[in-house]
């Protein structure tokens, strides 16, 4: 476990005094590696708050470049960064936010051949993507290696998230059996902001062991009417991704 420095104790003083957190919780965070798939609307807020919380290593992956139409919702990037790879834009921004942590921007497509080399070992994987075929690859990879997967998704003014870790929980394929059709969907920037921040909460709870996570639960919200709901989840018998696991 990583030892805290005087800098750490000063920078993170207000979270260290959270009941149950303490030096031990901060040391766990400092020693942790988090992988974030996607440096867009969801990846922005969650990476920013994990960086400010002092997560020791953040690896953030995206294959795309910054486009002007991204900027209503993707807070890691600015007009000056249009045309720049999102992964490198994100890396530079996160290093500015917290120069004491390790940040690795990875410009790559996640597919069956590349996924192991891209993710490697991580304590938590965050699904901040906008397409389900790649989400399902993350789902399978995390199941095989027992890595918690924090799933988040948005549409318009609605969002959802859950924590996936079979066999303790259903997997993503249990919840969504088939990928919905690919489309250009509406997004208000606040929506991934809220969802990404909630993903940050779940990640920090997983790393520190504090509180109760959304395992076996799906949280959804509809910001148009400001309604939040939590639904209980169960594993699907015969699920092609996690059905081979006990329980």
C-alpha atoms as a PDB file:
ATOM      1  CA  UNK A   1       0.000   0.000   0.000  1.00  0.00           C
ATOM      2  CA  UNK A   2       1.252   3.500  -0.809  1.00  0.00           C
ATOM      3  CA  UNK A   3       2.356   5.734   2.053  1.00  0.00           C
ATOM      4  CA  UNK A   4       0.830   9.185   2.295  1.00  0.00           C
ATOM      5  CA  UNK A   5       3.075  12.236   2.081  1.00  0.00           C
ATOM      6  CA  UNK A   6       2.578  15.597   3.790  1.00  0.00           C
ATOM      7  CA  UNK A   7       1.337  16.857   0.394  1.00  0.00           C
ATOM      8  CA  UNK A   8      -1.273  14.077   0.306  1.00  0.00           C
ATOM      9  CA  UNK A   9      -2.499  14.767   3.835  1.00  0.00           C
ATOM     10  CA  UNK A  10      -2.883  18.436   3.029  1.00  0.00           C
ATOM     11  CA  UNK A  11      -4.475  18.038  -0.412  1.00  0.00           C
ATOM     12  CA  UNK A  12      -6.938  15.315   0.603  1.00  0.00           C
ATOM     13  CA  UNK A  13      -7.554  16.483   4.180  1.00  0.00           C
ATOM     14  CA  UNK A  14     -11.280  17.097   3.731  1.00  0.00           C
ATOM     15  CA  UNK A  15     -11.994  13.598   2.434  1.00  0.00           C
ATOM     16  CA  UNK A  16      -9.644  11.887   4.864  1.00  0.00           C
ATOM     17  CA  UNK A  17     -11.876  13.096   7.725  1.00  0.00           C
ATOM     18  CA  UNK A  18     -14.946  11.389   6.232  1.00  0.00           C
ATOM     19  CA  UNK A  19     -15.994   8.731   8.786  1.00  0.00           C
ATOM     20  CA  UNK A  20     -14.400   5.405   7.868  1.00  0.00           C
ATOM     21  CA  UNK A  21     -12.052   6.967   5.283  1.00  0.00           C
ATOM     22  CA  UNK A  22      -8.922   8.028   7.145  1.00  0.00           C
ATOM     23  CA  UNK A  23      -5.340   7.499   6.061  1.00  0.00           C
ATOM     24  CA  UNK A  24      -6.078   3.869   5.213  1.00  0.00           C
ATOM     25  CA  UNK A  25      -8.776   4.768   2.715  1.00  0.00           C
ATOM     26  CA  UNK A  26      -6.590   7.389   1.076  1.00  0.00           C
ATOM     27  CA  UNK A  27      -3.678   4.957   0.884  1.00  0.00           C
ATOM     28  CA  UNK A  28      -5.931   2.450  -0.903  1.00  0.00           C
ATOM     29  CA  UNK A  29      -6.919   5.107  -3.433  1.00  0.00           C
ATOM     30  CA  UNK A  30      -3.314   6.161  -3.977  1.00  0.00           C
ATOM     31  CA  UNK A  31      -2.313   2.533  -4.641  1.00  0.00           C
ATOM     32  CA  UNK A  32      -5.190   1.918  -7.075  1.00  0.00           C
ATOM     33  CA  UNK A  33      -5.324   1.719 -10.849  1.00  0.00           C
ATOM     34  CA  UNK A  34      -8.536   2.631 -12.636  1.00  0.00           C
ATOM     35  CA  UNK A  35      -9.251   2.088 -16.333  1.00  0.00           C
ATOM     36  CA  UNK A  36     -11.738   4.421 -18.021  1.00  0.00           C
ATOM     37  CA  UNK A  37     -13.126   3.370 -21.393  1.00  0.00           C
ATOM     38  CA  UNK A  38     -14.136   6.580 -23.129  1.00  0.00           C
ATOM     39  CA  UNK A  39     -12.889  10.167 -22.745  1.00  0.00           C
ATOM     40  CA  UNK A  40     -16.177  11.803 -23.701  1.00  0.00           C
ATOM     41  CA  UNK A  41     -19.280  12.921 -21.846  1.00  0.00           C
ATOM     42  CA  UNK A  42     -19.123  10.282 -19.105  1.00  0.00           C
ATOM     43  CA  UNK A  43     -15.365   9.855 -19.017  1.00  0.00           C
ATOM     44  CA  UNK A  44     -14.817  13.570 -18.434  1.00  0.00           C
ATOM     45  CA  UNK A  45     -16.496  14.111 -15.058  1.00  0.00           C
ATOM     46  CA  UNK A  46     -15.587  10.721 -13.648  1.00  0.00           C
ATOM     47  CA  UNK A  47     -11.905  11.085 -14.574  1.00  0.00           C
ATOM     48  CA  UNK A  48     -11.767  14.624 -13.184  1.00  0.00           C
ATOM     49  CA  UNK A  49     -13.202  13.617  -9.824  1.00  0.00           C
ATOM     50  CA  UNK A  50     -11.090  10.471  -9.562  1.00  0.00           C
ATOM     51  CA  UNK A  51      -8.026  12.599 -10.290  1.00  0.00           C
ATOM     52  CA  UNK A  52      -8.991  15.173  -7.658  1.00  0.00           C
ATOM     53  CA  UNK A  53      -9.609  12.325  -5.179  1.00  0.00           C
ATOM     54  CA  UNK A  54      -6.029  11.097  -5.706  1.00  0.00           C
ATOM     55  CA  UNK A  55      -6.471   7.790  -7.542  1.00  0.00           C
ATOM     56  CA  UNK A  56      -2.861   6.714  -8.092  1.00  0.00           C
ATOM     57  CA  UNK A  57      -3.077   5.645 -11.733  1.00  0.00           C
ATOM     58  CA  UNK A  58      -5.765   6.606 -14.231  1.00  0.00           C
ATOM     59  CA  UNK A  59      -5.625   4.975 -17.653  1.00  0.00           C
ATOM     60  CA  UNK A  60      -8.133   6.571 -20.038  1.00  0.00           C
ATOM     61  CA  UNK A  61      -8.755   5.204 -23.530  1.00  0.00           C
ATOM     62  CA  UNK A  62     -10.440   6.700 -26.572  1.00  0.00           C
ATOM     63  CA  UNK A  63      -9.777   6.257 -30.286  1.00  0.00           C
ATOM     64  CA  UNK A  64     -11.497   9.431 -31.507  1.00  0.00           C
ATOM     65  CA  UNK A  65     -10.435  13.050 -31.888  1.00  0.00           C
ATOM     66  CA  UNK A  66     -12.139  16.072 -30.348  1.00  0.00           C
ATOM     67  CA  UNK A  67     -14.898  17.518 -32.543  1.00  0.00           C
ATOM     68  CA  UNK A  68     -16.700  20.825 -32.101  1.00  0.00           C
ATOM     69  CA  UNK A  69     -20.008  19.023 -31.612  1.00  0.00           C
ATOM     70  CA  UNK A  70     -18.531  17.230 -28.560  1.00  0.00           C
ATOM     71  CA  UNK A  71     -18.105  20.401 -26.554  1.00  0.00           C
ATOM     72  CA  UNK A  72     -21.645  20.735 -25.228  1.00  0.00           C
ATOM     73  CA  UNK A  73     -20.972  17.772 -22.945  1.00  0.00           C
ATOM     74  CA  UNK A  74     -17.299  16.699 -22.950  1.00  0.00           C
ATOM     75  CA  UNK A  75     -15.709  18.854 -20.272  1.00  0.00           C
ATOM     76  CA  UNK A  76     -12.162  17.520 -20.607  1.00  0.00           C
ATOM     77  CA  UNK A  77     -11.807  19.269 -23.964  1.00  0.00           C
ATOM     78  CA  UNK A  78     -11.910  22.839 -25.298  1.00  0.00           C
ATOM     79  CA  UNK A  79     -12.163  24.628 -28.636  1.00  0.00           C
ATOM     80  CA  UNK A  80      -8.373  24.718 -28.818  1.00  0.00           C
ATOM     81  CA  UNK A  81      -8.315  20.919 -28.678  1.00  0.00           C
ATOM     82  CA  UNK A  82     -10.548  20.329 -31.713  1.00  0.00           C
ATOM     83  CA  UNK A  83      -8.757  17.798 -33.914  1.00  0.00           C
ATOM     84  CA  UNK A  84      -6.629  16.502 -31.032  1.00  0.00           C
ATOM     85  CA  UNK A  85      -6.932  12.839 -29.945  1.00  0.00           C
ATOM     86  CA  UNK A  86      -9.305  12.735 -27.001  1.00  0.00           C
ATOM     87  CA  UNK A  87      -7.020  10.411 -25.049  1.00  0.00           C
ATOM     88  CA  UNK A  88      -4.128  12.887 -25.198  1.00  0.00           C
ATOM     89  CA  UNK A  89      -6.370  15.886 -24.502  1.00  0.00           C
ATOM     90  CA  UNK A  90      -7.709  14.044 -21.464  1.00  0.00           C
ATOM     91  CA  UNK A  91      -4.239  13.071 -20.276  1.00  0.00           C
ATOM     92  CA  UNK A  92      -3.000  16.665 -20.437  1.00  0.00           C
ATOM     93  CA  UNK A  93      -6.040  18.021 -18.631  1.00  0.00           C
ATOM     94  CA  UNK A  94      -5.912  15.444 -15.838  1.00  0.00           C
ATOM     95  CA  UNK A  95      -2.209  16.069 -15.285  1.00  0.00           C
ATOM     96  CA  UNK A  96      -2.988  19.756 -14.869  1.00  0.00           C
ATOM     97  CA  UNK A  97      -5.685  18.918 -12.340  1.00  0.00           C
ATOM     98  CA  UNK A  98      -3.426  16.649 -10.296  1.00  0.00           C
ATOM     99  CA  UNK A  99       0.276  16.503 -11.208  1.00  0.00           C
ATOM    100  CA  UNK A 100       1.003  13.995  -8.417  1.00  0.00           C
ATOM    101  CA  UNK A 101      -0.864  11.045  -9.956  1.00  0.00           C
ATOM    102  CA  UNK A 102      -0.029   8.846 -12.946  1.00  0.00           C
ATOM    103  CA  UNK A 103      -2.207   9.471 -16.009  1.00  0.00           C
ATOM    104  CA  UNK A 104      -1.981   7.392 -19.182  1.00  0.00           C
ATOM    105  CA  UNK A 105      -3.921   8.451 -22.262  1.00  0.00           C
ATOM    106  CA  UNK A 106      -4.395   5.548 -24.674  1.00  0.00           C
ATOM    107  CA  UNK A 107      -5.471   6.287 -28.254  1.00  0.00           C
ATOM    108  CA  UNK A 108      -6.778   2.920 -29.436  1.00  0.00           C
ATOM    109  CA  UNK A 109      -9.853   0.966 -30.415  1.00  0.00           C
ATOM    110  CA  UNK A 110     -10.931  -1.663 -27.922  1.00  0.00           C
ATOM    111  CA  UNK A 111     -11.560  -4.962 -29.683  1.00  0.00           C
ATOM    112  CA  UNK A 112     -11.090  -8.657 -28.923  1.00  0.00           C
ATOM    113  CA  UNK A 113      -7.419  -8.572 -29.906  1.00  0.00           C
ATOM    114  CA  UNK A 114      -6.430  -5.322 -28.206  1.00  0.00           C
ATOM    115  CA  UNK A 115      -8.463  -5.340 -25.005  1.00  0.00           C
ATOM    116  CA  UNK A 116      -6.035  -7.211 -22.784  1.00  0.00           C
ATOM    117  CA  UNK A 117      -3.078  -5.068 -23.767  1.00  0.00           C
ATOM    118  CA  UNK A 118      -5.085  -1.874 -23.324  1.00  0.00           C
ATOM    119  CA  UNK A 119      -6.716  -2.599 -19.974  1.00  0.00           C
ATOM    120  CA  UNK A 120      -4.112  -4.861 -18.419  1.00  0.00           C
ATOM    121  CA  UNK A 121      -4.552  -5.047 -14.673  1.00  0.00           C
ATOM    122  CA  UNK A 122      -6.930  -2.576 -13.073  1.00  0.00           C
ATOM    123  CA  UNK A 123      -8.740  -2.467  -9.758  1.00  0.00           C
ATOM    124  CA  UNK A 124     -11.888  -1.033 -11.362  1.00  0.00           C
ATOM    125  CA  UNK A 125     -12.989  -0.613 -14.984  1.00  0.00           C
ATOM    126  CA  UNK A 126     -15.401   2.158 -15.917  1.00  0.00           C
ATOM    127  CA  UNK A 127     -17.771   1.848 -18.858  1.00  0.00           C
ATOM    128  CA  UNK A 128     -18.042   5.402 -20.198  1.00  0.00           C
ATOM    129  CA  UNK A 129     -18.752   4.348 -23.765  1.00  0.00           C
ATOM    130  CA  UNK A 130     -21.517   5.167 -26.226  1.00  0.00           C
ATOM    131  CA  UNK A 131     -21.866   1.790 -27.959  1.00  0.00           C
ATOM    132  CA  UNK A 132     -22.921  -1.611 -26.674  1.00  0.00           C
ATOM    133  CA  UNK A 133     -20.730  -3.949 -28.743  1.00  0.00           C
ATOM    134  CA  UNK A 134     -17.655  -2.521 -27.010  1.00  0.00           C
ATOM    135  CA  UNK A 135     -19.472  -2.432 -23.664  1.00  0.00           C
ATOM    136  CA  UNK A 136     -20.091  -6.167 -24.033  1.00  0.00           C
ATOM    137  CA  UNK A 137     -16.359  -6.721 -24.636  1.00  0.00           C
ATOM    138  CA  UNK A 138     -15.614  -4.908 -21.372  1.00  0.00           C
ATOM    139  CA  UNK A 139     -18.289  -6.988 -19.679  1.00  0.00           C
ATOM    140  CA  UNK A 140     -16.709 -10.280 -20.798  1.00  0.00           C
ATOM    141  CA  UNK A 141     -13.163  -9.149 -19.979  1.00  0.00           C
ATOM    142  CA  UNK A 142     -14.105  -8.062 -16.472  1.00  0.00           C
ATOM    143  CA  UNK A 143     -16.061 -11.265 -15.807  1.00  0.00           C
ATOM    144  CA  UNK A 144     -13.079 -13.388 -16.807  1.00  0.00           C
ATOM    145  CA  UNK A 145     -10.736 -11.463 -14.498  1.00  0.00           C
ATOM    146  CA  UNK A 146     -13.065 -10.703 -11.614  1.00  0.00           C
ATOM    147  CA  UNK A 147     -12.720  -6.929 -12.041  1.00  0.00           C
ATOM    148  CA  UNK A 148     -15.622  -4.702 -10.932  1.00  0.00           C
ATOM    149  CA  UNK A 149     -17.195  -2.862 -13.873  1.00  0.00           C
ATOM    150  CA  UNK A 150     -18.974   0.429 -13.213  1.00  0.00           C
ATOM    151  CA  UNK A 151     -21.491   0.848 -16.036  1.00  0.00           C
ATOM    152  CA  UNK A 152     -22.994   4.194 -16.973  1.00  0.00           C
ATOM    153  CA  UNK A 153     -25.171   5.167 -19.933  1.00  0.00           C
ATOM    154  CA  UNK A 154     -27.210   8.205 -20.947  1.00  0.00           C
ATOM    155  CA  UNK A 155     -29.809   9.374 -23.473  1.00  0.00           C
ATOM    156  CA  UNK A 156     -31.129  12.923 -23.642  1.00  0.00           C
ATOM    157  CA  UNK A 157     -31.926  13.875 -20.046  1.00  0.00           C
ATOM    158  CA  UNK A 158     -31.929  10.324 -18.664  1.00  0.00           C
ATOM    159  CA  UNK A 159     -29.141   8.220 -17.229  1.00  0.00           C
ATOM    160  CA  UNK A 160     -28.474   4.835 -15.666  1.00  0.00           C
ATOM    161  CA  UNK A 161     -25.690   3.122 -13.766  1.00  0.00           C
ATOM    162  CA  UNK A 162     -24.863  -0.061 -11.894  1.00  0.00           C
ATOM    163  CA  UNK A 163     -21.907  -1.989 -10.511  1.00  0.00           C
ATOM    164  CA  UNK A 164     -21.240  -5.315 -12.210  1.00  0.00           C
ATOM    165  CA  UNK A 165     -19.188  -8.114 -10.649  1.00  0.00           C
ATOM    166  CA  UNK A 166     -20.479 -11.642 -11.381  1.00  0.00           C
ATOM    167  CA  UNK A 167     -21.151 -14.050  -9.782  1.00  0.00           C
ATOM    168  CA  UNK A 168     -22.088 -11.598  -7.026  1.00  0.00           C
ATOM    169  CA  UNK A 169     -24.198  -9.608  -9.483  1.00  0.00           C
ATOM    170  CA  UNK A 170     -25.823  -9.882 -12.904  1.00  0.00           C
ATOM    171  CA  UNK A 171     -23.580  -8.954 -15.812  1.00  0.00           C
ATOM    172  CA  UNK A 172     -24.343  -6.317 -18.425  1.00  0.00           C
ATOM    173  CA  UNK A 173     -25.688  -8.959 -20.811  1.00  0.00           C
ATOM    174  CA  UNK A 174     -28.201 -10.038 -18.144  1.00  0.00           C
ATOM    175  CA  UNK A 175     -29.507  -6.479 -18.024  1.00  0.00           C
ATOM    176  CA  UNK A 176     -29.347  -5.692 -21.755  1.00  0.00           C
ATOM    177  CA  UNK A 177     -29.337  -8.846 -23.853  1.00  0.00           C
ATOM    178  CA  UNK A 178     -28.811  -7.229 -27.263  1.00  0.00           C
ATOM    179  CA  UNK A 179     -27.127  -4.055 -28.455  1.00  0.00           C
ATOM    180  CA  UNK A 180     -29.645  -1.375 -29.421  1.00  0.00           C
ATOM    181  CA  UNK A 181     -29.328   0.067 -32.938  1.00  0.00           C
ATOM    182  CA  UNK A 182     -26.516   2.565 -33.356  1.00  0.00           C
ATOM    183  CA  UNK A 183     -27.833   6.110 -33.621  1.00  0.00           C
ATOM    184  CA  UNK A 184     -26.940   9.746 -33.080  1.00  0.00           C
ATOM    185  CA  UNK A 185     -28.837  10.317 -29.850  1.00  0.00           C
ATOM    186  CA  UNK A 186     -29.674  13.561 -28.048  1.00  0.00           C
ATOM    187  CA  UNK A 187     -27.551  14.623 -25.078  1.00  0.00           C
ATOM    188  CA  UNK A 188     -27.803  17.519 -22.674  1.00  0.00           C
ATOM    189  CA  UNK A 189     -24.341  17.985 -21.175  1.00  0.00           C
ATOM    190  CA  UNK A 190     -25.583  17.908 -17.588  1.00  0.00           C
ATOM    191  CA  UNK A 191     -26.818  14.329 -18.082  1.00  0.00           C
ATOM    192  CA  UNK A 192     -23.399  12.654 -18.493  1.00  0.00           C
ATOM    193  CA  UNK A 193     -22.127  15.088 -15.866  1.00  0.00           C
ATOM    194  CA  UNK A 194     -24.525  13.699 -13.265  1.00  0.00           C
ATOM    195  CA  UNK A 195     -24.074  10.098 -14.386  1.00  0.00           C
ATOM    196  CA  UNK A 196     -20.285  10.350 -14.502  1.00  0.00           C
ATOM    197  CA  UNK A 197     -20.165  11.873 -11.017  1.00  0.00           C
ATOM    198  CA  UNK A 198     -22.295   9.010  -9.703  1.00  0.00           C
ATOM    199  CA  UNK A 199     -19.905   6.552 -11.366  1.00  0.00           C
ATOM    200  CA  UNK A 200     -17.132   8.326  -9.490  1.00  0.00           C
ATOM    201  CA  UNK A 201     -18.942   7.742  -6.190  1.00  0.00           C
ATOM    202  CA  UNK A 202     -19.315   4.031  -6.938  1.00  0.00           C
ATOM    203  CA  UNK A 203     -15.652   3.712  -7.929  1.00  0.00           C
ATOM    204  CA  UNK A 204     -14.347   5.392  -4.780  1.00  0.00           C
ATOM    205  CA  UNK A 205     -16.632   3.242  -2.624  1.00  0.00           C
ATOM    206  CA  UNK A 206     -15.303   0.125  -4.321  1.00  0.00           C
ATOM    207  CA  UNK A 207     -11.693   1.223  -3.782  1.00  0.00           C
ATOM    208  CA  UNK A 208     -12.092   2.222  -0.132  1.00  0.00           C
ATOM    209  CA  UNK A 209     -14.710  -0.321   0.945  1.00  0.00           C
ATOM    210  CA  UNK A 210     -16.879   2.468   2.352  1.00  0.00           C
ATOM    211  CA  UNK A 211     -20.650   2.437   2.019  1.00  0.00           C
ATOM    212  CA  UNK A 212     -22.944   0.320  -0.119  1.00  0.00           C
ATOM    213  CA  UNK A 213     -22.531   0.178  -3.893  1.00  0.00           C
ATOM    214  CA  UNK A 214     -25.091  -0.406  -6.642  1.00  0.00           C
ATOM    215  CA  UNK A 215     -24.305  -4.107  -6.898  1.00  0.00           C
ATOM    216  CA  UNK A 216     -27.517  -5.936  -7.884  1.00  0.00           C
ATOM    217  CA  UNK A 217     -29.240  -2.598  -8.421  1.00  0.00           C
ATOM    218  CA  UNK A 218     -29.828  -0.346 -11.416  1.00  0.00           C
ATOM    219  CA  UNK A 219     -30.143   3.356 -10.680  1.00  0.00           C
ATOM    220  CA  UNK A 220     -31.993   5.404 -13.300  1.00  0.00           C
ATOM    221  CA  UNK A 221     -32.928   9.051 -13.392  1.00  0.00           C
ATOM    222  CA  UNK A 222     -35.128  11.240 -15.557  1.00  0.00           C
ATOM    223  CA  UNK A 223     -33.927  14.809 -15.148  1.00  0.00           C
ATOM    224  CA  UNK A 224     -36.876  16.264 -17.061  1.00  0.00           C
ATOM    225  CA  UNK A 225     -39.102  15.388 -14.104  1.00  0.00           C
ATOM    226  CA  UNK A 226     -36.233  14.989 -11.564  1.00  0.00           C
ATOM    227  CA  UNK A 227     -37.128  11.424 -10.722  1.00  0.00           C
ATOM    228  CA  UNK A 228     -34.634   8.843  -9.461  1.00  0.00           C
ATOM    229  CA  UNK A 229     -35.459   5.141  -9.257  1.00  0.00           C
ATOM    230  CA  UNK A 230     -33.553   2.069  -8.087  1.00  0.00           C
ATOM    231  CA  UNK A 231     -34.476  -1.366  -9.415  1.00  0.00           C
ATOM    232  CA  UNK A 232     -33.315  -4.703  -8.062  1.00  0.00           C
ATOM    233  CA  UNK A 233     -31.501  -6.931 -10.559  1.00  0.00           C
ATOM    234  CA  UNK A 234     -31.086 -10.677 -10.893  1.00  0.00           C
ATOM    235  CA  UNK A 235     -28.789 -12.800 -12.991  1.00  0.00           C
ATOM    236  CA  UNK A 236     -30.318 -14.329 -16.110  1.00  0.00           C
ATOM    237  CA  UNK A 237     -30.294 -18.094 -16.256  1.00  0.00           C
ATOM    238  CA  UNK A 238     -28.272 -19.253 -19.254  1.00  0.00           C
ATOM    239  CA  UNK A 239     -26.689 -15.843 -19.836  1.00  0.00           C
ATOM    240  CA  UNK A 240     -24.059 -16.279 -22.571  1.00  0.00           C
ATOM    241  CA  UNK A 241     -21.541 -14.151 -20.666  1.00  0.00           C
ATOM    242  CA  UNK A 242     -21.938 -15.130 -17.002  1.00  0.00           C
ATOM    243  CA  UNK A 243     -24.168 -18.203 -17.104  1.00  0.00           C
ATOM    244  CA  UNK A 244     -21.175 -20.515 -16.610  1.00  0.00           C
ATOM    245  CA  UNK A 245     -20.446 -19.033 -13.190  1.00  0.00           C
ATOM    246  CA  UNK A 246     -21.840 -20.584 -10.004  1.00  0.00           C
ATOM    247  CA  UNK A 247     -24.736 -19.063  -8.083  1.00  0.00           C
END
